Amino acid sequence: FLTYKDIPGGEKHLAEITDIYNKEEAYEVIRRGRKDYENKFKKGN
């Protein structure tokens, strides 16, 4: 997962995992992302 954005032969990593969420935190991130999406793309916008 961490290497899919890396340039082949490149030395610098473009992705880094800095924290690990527990189940409740992960669900909250998903809930907020869905709310942001709905606010941005809801009909009439």
PDB file of N, CA and C in Angstrom:
ATOM      1  N   PHE A   1       0.818  -1.198   0.000  1.00  0.00           N
ATOM      2  CA  PHE A   1       0.000   0.000   0.000  1.00  0.00           C
ATOM      3  C   PHE A   1       0.858   1.258   0.000  1.00  0.00           C
ATOM      4  N   LEU A   2       1.957   1.246   0.696  1.00  0.00           N
ATOM      5  CA  LEU A   2       2.766   2.456   0.817  1.00  0.00           C
ATOM      6  C   LEU A   2       3.542   2.796  -0.442  1.00  0.00           C
ATOM      7  N   THR A   3       3.708   1.854  -1.347  1.00  0.00           N
ATOM      8  CA  THR A   3       4.578   2.105  -2.492  1.00  0.00           C
ATOM      9  C   THR A   3       3.845   2.446  -3.788  1.00  0.00           C
ATOM     10  N   TYR A   4       2.538   2.419  -3.823  1.00  0.00           N
ATOM     11  CA  TYR A   4       1.847   2.611  -5.102  1.00  0.00           C
ATOM     12  C   TYR A   4       2.023   4.009  -5.671  1.00  0.00           C
ATOM     13  N   LYS A   5       2.366   5.010  -4.854  1.00  0.00           N
ATOM     14  CA  LYS A   5       2.587   6.366  -5.356  1.00  0.00           C
ATOM     15  C   LYS A   5       4.063   6.667  -5.586  1.00  0.00           C
ATOM     16  N   ASP A   6       4.932   5.749  -5.237  1.00  0.00           N
ATOM     17  CA  ASP A   6       6.367   5.986  -5.393  1.00  0.00           C
ATOM     18  C   ASP A   6       6.782   5.915  -6.858  1.00  0.00           C
ATOM     19  N   ILE A   7       7.749   6.726  -7.211  1.00  0.00           N
ATOM     20  CA  ILE A   7       8.320   6.716  -8.551  1.00  0.00           C
ATOM     21  C   ILE A   7       9.329   5.574  -8.614  1.00  0.00           C
ATOM     22  N   PRO A   8       9.226   4.701  -9.643  1.00  0.00           N
ATOM     23  CA  PRO A   8      10.188   3.604  -9.752  1.00  0.00           C
ATOM     24  C   PRO A   8      11.621   4.134  -9.762  1.00  0.00           C
ATOM     25  N   GLY A   9      12.448   3.592  -8.913  1.00  0.00           N
ATOM     26  CA  GLY A   9      13.835   4.028  -8.819  1.00  0.00           C
ATOM     27  C   GLY A   9      14.033   5.259  -7.959  1.00  0.00           C
ATOM     28  N   GLY A  10      12.942   5.876  -7.532  1.00  0.00           N
ATOM     29  CA  GLY A  10      13.039   7.066  -6.692  1.00  0.00           C
ATOM     30  C   GLY A  10      13.438   6.702  -5.272  1.00  0.00           C
ATOM     31  N   GLU A  11      14.037   7.653  -4.584  1.00  0.00           N
ATOM     32  CA  GLU A  11      14.494   7.389  -3.227  1.00  0.00           C
ATOM     33  C   GLU A  11      13.517   7.896  -2.173  1.00  0.00           C
ATOM     34  N   LYS A  12      12.718   8.889  -2.511  1.00  0.00           N
ATOM     35  CA  LYS A  12      11.825   9.497  -1.532  1.00  0.00           C
ATOM     36  C   LYS A  12      10.455   8.819  -1.557  1.00  0.00           C
ATOM     37  N   HIS A  13       9.963   8.447  -0.377  1.00  0.00           N
ATOM     38  CA  HIS A  13       8.633   7.856  -0.278  1.00  0.00           C
ATOM     39  C   HIS A  13       7.588   8.965  -0.231  1.00  0.00           C
ATOM     40  N   LEU A  14       6.520   8.820  -1.017  1.00  0.00           N
ATOM     41  CA  LEU A  14       5.473   9.833  -1.087  1.00  0.00           C
ATOM     42  C   LEU A  14       4.346   9.577  -0.094  1.00  0.00           C
ATOM     43  N   ALA A  15       4.287   8.385   0.476  1.00  0.00           N
ATOM     44  CA  ALA A  15       3.237   8.057   1.440  1.00  0.00           C
ATOM     45  C   ALA A  15       3.878   7.540   2.721  1.00  0.00           C
ATOM     46  N   GLU A  16       3.248   7.875   3.838  1.00  0.00           N
ATOM     47  CA  GLU A  16       3.754   7.431   5.132  1.00  0.00           C
ATOM     48  C   GLU A  16       2.580   7.243   6.085  1.00  0.00           C
ATOM     49  N   ILE A  17       2.576   6.136   6.800  1.00  0.00           N
ATOM     50  CA  ILE A  17       1.562   5.908   7.830  1.00  0.00           C
ATOM     51  C   ILE A  17       2.121   6.448   9.134  1.00  0.00           C
ATOM     52  N   THR A  18       1.433   7.435   9.711  1.00  0.00           N
ATOM     53  CA  THR A  18       1.926   8.060  10.943  1.00  0.00           C
ATOM     54  C   THR A  18       1.137   7.634  12.170  1.00  0.00           C
ATOM     55  N   ASP A  19      -0.098   7.181  11.982  1.00  0.00           N
ATOM     56  CA  ASP A  19      -0.940   6.761  13.097  1.00  0.00           C
ATOM     57  C   ASP A  19      -1.789   5.569  12.678  1.00  0.00           C
ATOM     58  N   ILE A  20      -2.239   4.826  13.663  1.00  0.00           N
ATOM     59  CA  ILE A  20      -3.169   3.725  13.424  1.00  0.00           C
ATOM     60  C   ILE A  20      -4.408   4.001  14.260  1.00  0.00           C
ATOM     61  N   TYR A  21      -5.572   3.982  13.610  1.00  0.00           N
ATOM     62  CA  TYR A  21      -6.834   4.245  14.297  1.00  0.00           C
ATOM     63  C   TYR A  21      -7.424   2.958  14.854  1.00  0.00           C
ATOM     64  N   ASN A  22      -8.173   3.094  15.946  1.00  0.00           N
ATOM     65  CA  ASN A  22      -8.959   1.955  16.403  1.00  0.00           C
ATOM     66  C   ASN A  22     -10.269   1.948  15.615  1.00  0.00           C
ATOM     67  N   LYS A  23     -11.103   0.966  15.864  1.00  0.00           N
ATOM     68  CA  LYS A  23     -12.335   0.799  15.086  1.00  0.00           C
ATOM     69  C   LYS A  23     -13.231   2.030  15.160  1.00  0.00           C
ATOM     70  N   GLU A  24     -13.433   2.568  16.346  1.00  0.00           N
ATOM     71  CA  GLU A  24     -14.325   3.711  16.510  1.00  0.00           C
ATOM     72  C   GLU A  24     -13.792   4.940  15.777  1.00  0.00           C
ATOM     73  N   GLU A  25     -12.492   5.174  15.869  1.00  0.00           N
ATOM     74  CA  GLU A  25     -11.888   6.320  15.173  1.00  0.00           C
ATOM     75  C   GLU A  25     -12.000   6.159  13.662  1.00  0.00           C
ATOM     76  N   ALA A  26     -11.787   4.944  13.178  1.00  0.00           N
ATOM     77  CA  ALA A  26     -11.884   4.689  11.740  1.00  0.00           C
ATOM     78  C   ALA A  26     -13.305   4.945  11.237  1.00  0.00           C
ATOM     79  N   TYR A  27     -14.306   4.486  11.981  1.00  0.00           N
ATOM     80  CA  TYR A  27     -15.693   4.744  11.588  1.00  0.00           C
ATOM     81  C   TYR A  27     -15.997   6.238  11.583  1.00  0.00           C
ATOM     82  N   GLU A  28     -15.445   6.979  12.519  1.00  0.00           N
ATOM     83  CA  GLU A  28     -15.665   8.429  12.568  1.00  0.00           C
ATOM     84  C   GLU A  28     -15.049   9.112  11.348  1.00  0.00           C
ATOM     85  N   VAL A  29     -13.864   8.680  10.941  1.00  0.00           N
ATOM     86  CA  VAL A  29     -13.224   9.232   9.742  1.00  0.00           C
ATOM     87  C   VAL A  29     -14.099   8.962   8.518  1.00  0.00           C
ATOM     88  N   ILE A  30     -14.624   7.752   8.414  1.00  0.00           N
ATOM     89  CA  ILE A  30     -15.498   7.406   7.288  1.00  0.00           C
ATOM     90  C   ILE A  30     -16.770   8.243   7.322  1.00  0.00           C
ATOM     91  N   ARG A  31     -17.382   8.372   8.498  1.00  0.00           N
ATOM     92  CA  ARG A  31     -18.614   9.153   8.632  1.00  0.00           C
ATOM     93  C   ARG A  31     -18.388  10.599   8.202  1.00  0.00           C
ATOM     94  N   ARG A  32     -17.297  11.187   8.644  1.00  0.00           N
ATOM     95  CA  ARG A  32     -17.004  12.578   8.280  1.00  0.00           C
ATOM     96  C   ARG A  32     -16.720  12.722   6.788  1.00  0.00           C
ATOM     97  N   GLY A  33     -16.022  11.752   6.214  1.00  0.00           N
ATOM     98  CA  GLY A  33     -15.751  11.784   4.779  1.00  0.00           C
ATOM     99  C   GLY A  33     -17.029  11.697   3.964  1.00  0.00           C
ATOM    100  N   ARG A  34     -17.953  10.841   4.386  1.00  0.00           N
ATOM    101  CA  ARG A  34     -19.237  10.731   3.688  1.00  0.00           C
ATOM    102  C   ARG A  34     -20.025  12.025   3.793  1.00  0.00           C
ATOM    103  N   LYS A  35     -19.996  12.645   4.970  1.00  0.00           N
ATOM    104  CA  LYS A  35     -20.709  13.909   5.159  1.00  0.00           C
ATOM    105  C   LYS A  35     -20.113  15.000   4.266  1.00  0.00           C
ATOM    106  N   ASP A  36     -18.781  15.075   4.201  1.00  0.00           N
ATOM    107  CA  ASP A  36     -18.125  16.048   3.321  1.00  0.00           C
ATOM    108  C   ASP A  36     -18.529  15.822   1.866  1.00  0.00           C
ATOM    109  N   TYR A  37     -18.541  14.558   1.440  1.00  0.00           N
ATOM    110  CA  TYR A  37     -18.915  14.221   0.067  1.00  0.00           C
ATOM    111  C   TYR A  37     -20.353  14.648  -0.219  1.00  0.00           C
ATOM    112  N   GLU A  38     -21.259  14.308   0.700  1.00  0.00           N
ATOM    113  CA  GLU A  38     -22.663  14.676   0.516  1.00  0.00           C
ATOM    114  C   GLU A  38     -22.830  16.189   0.438  1.00  0.00           C
ATOM    115  N   ASN A  39     -22.124  16.921   1.272  1.00  0.00           N
ATOM    116  CA  ASN A  39     -22.221  18.384   1.254  1.00  0.00           C
ATOM    117  C   ASN A  39     -21.691  18.974  -0.048  1.00  0.00           C
ATOM    118  N   LYS A  40     -20.656  18.372  -0.589  1.00  0.00           N
ATOM    119  CA  LYS A  40     -20.053  18.903  -1.811  1.00  0.00           C
ATOM    120  C   LYS A  40     -20.846  18.532  -3.061  1.00  0.00           C
ATOM    121  N   PHE A  41     -21.413  17.328  -3.085  1.00  0.00           N
ATOM    122  CA  PHE A  41     -22.024  16.829  -4.314  1.00  0.00           C
ATOM    123  C   PHE A  41     -23.532  16.628  -4.226  1.00  0.00           C
ATOM    124  N   LYS A  42     -24.175  17.139  -3.198  1.00  0.00           N
ATOM    125  CA  LYS A  42     -25.628  16.952  -3.103  1.00  0.00           C
ATOM    126  C   LYS A  42     -26.325  17.693  -4.240  1.00  0.00           C
ATOM    127  N   LYS A  43     -27.487  17.205  -4.613  1.00  0.00           N
ATOM    128  CA  LYS A  43     -28.243  17.805  -5.717  1.00  0.00           C
ATOM    129  C   LYS A  43     -28.568  19.250  -5.403  1.00  0.00           C
ATOM    130  N   GLY A  44     -28.511  20.087  -6.431  1.00  0.00           N
ATOM    131  CA  GLY A  44     -28.816  21.500  -6.265  1.00  0.00           C
ATOM    132  C   GLY A  44     -27.587  22.354  -6.023  1.00  0.00           C
ATOM    133  N   ASN A  45     -26.432  21.732  -5.929  1.00  0.00           N
ATOM    134  CA  ASN A  45     -25.188  22.491  -5.731  1.00  0.00           C
ATOM    135  C   ASN A  45     -24.541  22.821  -7.039  1.00  0.00           C
TER     136      ASN A  45
END
